[in-house]
Amino acid sequence: MAQIKTIGSNEQISLGKEFAGESVLIENPEYGVWVVKIGKFIPNNEQWLYQENNAIKLEESLNWAVNNPPKETDLTELESQKGNGLKPVAT
């Protein structure tokens, strides 16, 4: 349904009370053309999770953590491994 709206002197357009508080994506494919879509959007600092296969890697990591609970390190054994070509981990 097409509607005619007027841009107010405050540079805003009212979309209607039913959309109050909604997040919208506004695309501007060309001058004078706007496409407005309602939706749930991913914050910038969380977008990495949806790139490539990062969600799968995260799920695998969480599963590993569940199946491998933390345990106390035997420092004597760790010290003996130092001579086996293992590099110490920086803290």
N, C-alpha and C. Protein backbone atom coordinates (compact mmCIF):
# COMPACT_ATOMS: atom_id res chain seq x y z
N MET A 1 0.84 -1.17 0.00
CA MET A 1 0.00 0.00 0.00
C MET A 1 0.89 1.24 0.00
N ALA A 2 0.75 2.07 -0.96
CA ALA A 2 1.53 3.30 -1.06
C ALA A 2 0.87 4.40 -0.24
N GLN A 3 1.70 5.21 0.40
CA GLN A 3 1.22 6.35 1.17
C GLN A 3 2.07 7.56 0.81
N ILE A 4 1.47 8.71 0.92
CA ILE A 4 2.22 9.95 0.72
C ILE A 4 2.45 10.57 2.08
N LYS A 5 3.72 10.80 2.41
CA LYS A 5 4.10 11.41 3.67
C LYS A 5 4.88 12.68 3.36
N THR A 6 4.91 13.61 4.28
CA THR A 6 5.68 14.84 4.13
C THR A 6 6.80 14.85 5.14
N ILE A 7 8.00 15.14 4.67
CA ILE A 7 9.14 15.27 5.57
C ILE A 7 8.96 16.58 6.33
N GLY A 8 8.90 16.49 7.66
CA GLY A 8 8.68 17.66 8.49
C GLY A 8 9.90 18.57 8.56
N SER A 9 9.69 19.73 9.16
CA SER A 9 10.79 20.70 9.29
C SER A 9 11.90 20.16 10.19
N ASN A 10 11.57 19.15 11.01
CA ASN A 10 12.58 18.52 11.87
C ASN A 10 13.31 17.38 11.13
N GLU A 11 13.08 17.26 9.81
CA GLU A 11 13.75 16.28 8.93
C GLU A 11 13.33 14.85 9.23
N GLN A 12 12.11 14.64 9.73
CA GLN A 12 11.64 13.31 10.08
C GLN A 12 10.36 12.96 9.33
N ILE A 13 10.12 11.66 9.19
CA ILE A 13 8.89 11.14 8.61
C ILE A 13 8.29 10.19 9.64
N SER A 14 7.02 10.30 9.91
CA SER A 14 6.33 9.39 10.82
C SER A 14 5.84 8.18 10.05
N LEU A 15 6.19 6.99 10.53
CA LEU A 15 5.75 5.76 9.87
C LEU A 15 4.49 5.20 10.52
N GLY A 16 4.10 5.76 11.65
CA GLY A 16 2.90 5.29 12.33
C GLY A 16 3.23 4.69 13.69
N LYS A 17 2.26 4.80 14.60
CA LYS A 17 2.46 4.33 15.98
C LYS A 17 2.74 2.84 16.07
N GLU A 18 2.22 2.06 15.13
CA GLU A 18 2.42 0.61 15.19
C GLU A 18 3.89 0.22 15.01
N PHE A 19 4.71 1.14 14.53
CA PHE A 19 6.12 0.85 14.33
C PHE A 19 7.01 1.50 15.40
N ALA A 20 6.41 2.14 16.38
CA ALA A 20 7.18 2.82 17.42
C ALA A 20 8.09 1.81 18.14
N GLY A 21 9.34 2.16 18.30
CA GLY A 21 10.30 1.31 19.00
C GLY A 21 10.92 0.21 18.16
N GLU A 22 10.47 0.05 16.93
CA GLU A 22 11.03 -0.98 16.06
C GLU A 22 12.35 -0.53 15.46
N SER A 23 13.24 -1.49 15.22
CA SER A 23 14.47 -1.21 14.48
C SER A 23 14.16 -1.32 13.00
N VAL A 24 14.74 -0.43 12.21
CA VAL A 24 14.52 -0.47 10.77
C VAL A 24 15.85 -0.37 10.03
N LEU A 25 15.89 -0.99 8.89
CA LEU A 25 17.01 -0.87 7.97
C LEU A 25 16.55 0.06 6.86
N ILE A 26 17.32 1.09 6.60
CA ILE A 26 16.97 2.04 5.55
C ILE A 26 18.03 1.96 4.46
N GLU A 27 17.60 1.55 3.28
CA GLU A 27 18.49 1.49 2.13
C GLU A 27 18.19 2.67 1.22
N ASN A 28 19.22 3.21 0.60
CA ASN A 28 19.07 4.35 -0.30
C ASN A 28 19.72 3.97 -1.63
N PRO A 29 19.02 3.15 -2.45
CA PRO A 29 19.63 2.66 -3.68
C PRO A 29 19.94 3.75 -4.71
N GLU A 30 19.20 4.86 -4.65
CA GLU A 30 19.48 6.00 -5.53
C GLU A 30 18.86 7.24 -4.89
N TYR A 31 19.27 8.39 -5.39
CA TYR A 31 18.80 9.65 -4.83
C TYR A 31 17.26 9.69 -4.84
N GLY A 32 16.68 9.99 -3.68
CA GLY A 32 15.24 10.13 -3.57
C GLY A 32 14.48 8.83 -3.40
N VAL A 33 15.19 7.71 -3.31
CA VAL A 33 14.54 6.41 -3.14
C VAL A 33 15.03 5.80 -1.84
N TRP A 34 14.08 5.45 -0.97
CA TRP A 34 14.41 4.81 0.29
C TRP A 34 13.59 3.54 0.41
N VAL A 35 14.23 2.48 0.86
CA VAL A 35 13.56 1.23 1.14
C VAL A 35 13.71 1.02 2.65
N VAL A 36 12.57 0.91 3.35
CA VAL A 36 12.57 0.78 4.81
C VAL A 36 12.09 -0.62 5.16
N LYS A 37 12.91 -1.35 5.94
CA LYS A 37 12.56 -2.72 6.34
C LYS A 37 12.64 -2.84 7.85
N ILE A 38 11.63 -3.43 8.47
CA ILE A 38 11.64 -3.70 9.90
C ILE A 38 12.38 -5.01 10.12
N GLY A 39 13.15 -5.10 11.19
CA GLY A 39 13.83 -6.36 11.47
C GLY A 39 14.65 -6.31 12.73
N LYS A 40 15.26 -7.43 13.04
CA LYS A 40 16.20 -7.55 14.14
C LYS A 40 17.59 -7.48 13.51
N PHE A 41 18.44 -6.63 14.05
CA PHE A 41 19.73 -6.40 13.43
C PHE A 41 20.86 -6.77 14.38
N ILE A 42 21.97 -7.15 13.80
CA ILE A 42 23.12 -7.62 14.56
C ILE A 42 24.04 -6.44 14.86
N PRO A 43 24.36 -6.22 16.14
CA PRO A 43 25.29 -5.13 16.48
C PRO A 43 26.64 -5.34 15.79
N ASN A 44 27.31 -4.25 15.49
CA ASN A 44 28.60 -4.32 14.79
C ASN A 44 29.59 -5.25 15.47
N ASN A 45 29.66 -5.19 16.81
CA ASN A 45 30.66 -5.98 17.52
C ASN A 45 30.30 -7.47 17.60
N GLU A 46 29.14 -7.88 17.07
CA GLU A 46 28.76 -9.30 17.05
C GLU A 46 28.68 -9.86 15.64
N GLN A 47 28.94 -9.06 14.63
CA GLN A 47 28.81 -9.51 13.25
C GLN A 47 29.84 -10.57 12.87
N TRP A 48 30.98 -10.58 13.55
CA TRP A 48 32.02 -11.57 13.25
C TRP A 48 31.49 -13.00 13.39
N LEU A 49 30.52 -13.18 14.30
CA LEU A 49 29.99 -14.51 14.56
C LEU A 49 29.28 -15.08 13.33
N TYR A 50 28.75 -14.23 12.49
CA TYR A 50 27.98 -14.66 11.34
C TYR A 50 28.80 -14.67 10.05
N GLN A 51 30.10 -14.47 10.16
CA GLN A 51 30.99 -14.50 8.99
C GLN A 51 31.62 -15.87 8.88
N GLU A 52 31.74 -16.34 7.67
CA GLU A 52 32.36 -17.64 7.35
C GLU A 52 31.76 -18.72 8.23
N ASN A 53 32.58 -19.53 8.89
CA ASN A 53 32.05 -20.60 9.73
C ASN A 53 32.37 -20.36 11.20
N ASN A 54 32.38 -19.10 11.62
CA ASN A 54 32.72 -18.77 13.00
C ASN A 54 31.71 -19.32 14.00
N ALA A 55 30.43 -19.39 13.64
CA ALA A 55 29.42 -19.93 14.55
C ALA A 55 29.71 -21.41 14.82
N ILE A 56 30.14 -22.13 13.79
CA ILE A 56 30.48 -23.56 13.95
C ILE A 56 31.70 -23.70 14.85
N LYS A 57 32.72 -22.86 14.62
CA LYS A 57 33.92 -22.90 15.45
C LYS A 57 33.60 -22.60 16.91
N LEU A 58 32.73 -21.62 17.13
CA LEU A 58 32.34 -21.28 18.50
C LEU A 58 31.61 -22.44 19.16
N GLU A 59 30.68 -23.06 18.44
CA GLU A 59 29.94 -24.21 18.98
C GLU A 59 30.89 -25.35 19.31
N GLU A 60 31.86 -25.62 18.43
CA GLU A 60 32.85 -26.67 18.69
C GLU A 60 33.68 -26.34 19.92
N SER A 61 34.05 -25.08 20.09
CA SER A 61 34.84 -24.66 21.24
C SER A 61 34.06 -24.82 22.54
N LEU A 62 32.79 -24.44 22.50
CA LEU A 62 31.95 -24.58 23.70
C LEU A 62 31.76 -26.05 24.06
N ASN A 63 31.56 -26.90 23.05
CA ASN A 63 31.44 -28.34 23.31
C ASN A 63 32.73 -28.90 23.90
N TRP A 64 33.89 -28.47 23.37
CA TRP A 64 35.17 -28.91 23.90
C TRP A 64 35.30 -28.50 25.37
N ALA A 65 34.93 -27.26 25.68
CA ALA A 65 35.04 -26.76 27.05
C ALA A 65 34.16 -27.56 28.00
N VAL A 66 32.97 -27.96 27.55
CA VAL A 66 32.08 -28.76 28.39
C VAL A 66 32.69 -30.13 28.66
N ASN A 67 33.32 -30.72 27.63
CA ASN A 67 33.88 -32.06 27.75
C ASN A 67 35.30 -32.09 28.31
N ASN A 68 35.92 -30.94 28.50
CA ASN A 68 37.28 -30.86 29.02
C ASN A 68 37.34 -29.80 30.12
N PRO A 69 36.81 -30.12 31.29
CA PRO A 69 36.79 -29.12 32.36
C PRO A 69 38.21 -28.74 32.78
N PRO A 70 38.39 -27.56 33.35
CA PRO A 70 39.72 -27.15 33.79
C PRO A 70 40.28 -28.12 34.83
N LYS A 71 41.58 -28.31 34.80
CA LYS A 71 42.22 -29.15 35.81
C LYS A 71 43.54 -28.51 36.20
N GLU A 72 44.02 -28.88 37.34
CA GLU A 72 45.26 -28.31 37.85
C GLU A 72 46.43 -28.80 37.01
N THR A 73 47.34 -27.90 36.70
CA THR A 73 48.51 -28.22 35.91
C THR A 73 49.62 -28.78 36.80
N ASP A 74 50.23 -29.88 36.36
CA ASP A 74 51.39 -30.43 37.04
C ASP A 74 52.61 -29.67 36.53
N LEU A 75 53.11 -28.73 37.32
CA LEU A 75 54.20 -27.86 36.87
C LEU A 75 55.49 -28.63 36.61
N THR A 76 55.71 -29.70 37.34
CA THR A 76 56.91 -30.51 37.11
C THR A 76 56.84 -31.15 35.73
N GLU A 77 55.69 -31.71 35.39
CA GLU A 77 55.52 -32.31 34.06
C GLU A 77 55.64 -31.25 32.96
N LEU A 78 55.07 -30.10 33.20
CA LEU A 78 55.13 -29.02 32.23
C LEU A 78 56.58 -28.57 32.02
N GLU A 79 57.34 -28.47 33.09
CA GLU A 79 58.75 -28.08 33.01
C GLU A 79 59.54 -29.12 32.20
N SER A 80 59.22 -30.42 32.38
CA SER A 80 59.95 -31.46 31.64
C SER A 80 59.62 -31.41 30.15
N GLN A 81 58.43 -30.93 29.78
CA GLN A 81 58.05 -30.83 28.38
C GLN A 81 58.76 -29.68 27.68
N LYS A 82 59.27 -28.73 28.45
CA LYS A 82 59.94 -27.58 27.88
C LYS A 82 61.13 -28.00 27.02
N GLY A 83 61.80 -29.04 27.40
CA GLY A 83 62.96 -29.53 26.65
C GLY A 83 62.57 -30.35 25.43
N ASN A 84 61.28 -30.62 25.24
CA ASN A 84 60.82 -31.45 24.12
C ASN A 84 60.39 -30.62 22.91
N GLY A 85 60.87 -29.41 22.81
CA GLY A 85 60.54 -28.58 21.67
C GLY A 85 59.28 -27.77 21.84
N LEU A 86 58.64 -27.89 22.97
CA LEU A 86 57.45 -27.09 23.22
C LEU A 86 57.84 -25.70 23.69
N LYS A 87 57.21 -24.70 23.15
CA LYS A 87 57.50 -23.33 23.54
C LYS A 87 56.58 -22.94 24.68
N PRO A 88 57.11 -22.21 25.67
CA PRO A 88 56.26 -21.77 26.77
C PRO A 88 55.19 -20.80 26.26
N VAL A 89 54.04 -20.86 26.89
CA VAL A 89 52.93 -19.99 26.53
C VAL A 89 53.08 -18.67 27.27
N ALA A 90 53.00 -17.55 26.53
CA ALA A 90 53.09 -16.23 27.14
C ALA A 90 51.80 -15.96 27.90
N THR A 91 51.94 -15.33 29.05
CA THR A 91 50.74 -14.98 29.83
C THR A 91 50.50 -13.51 29.80
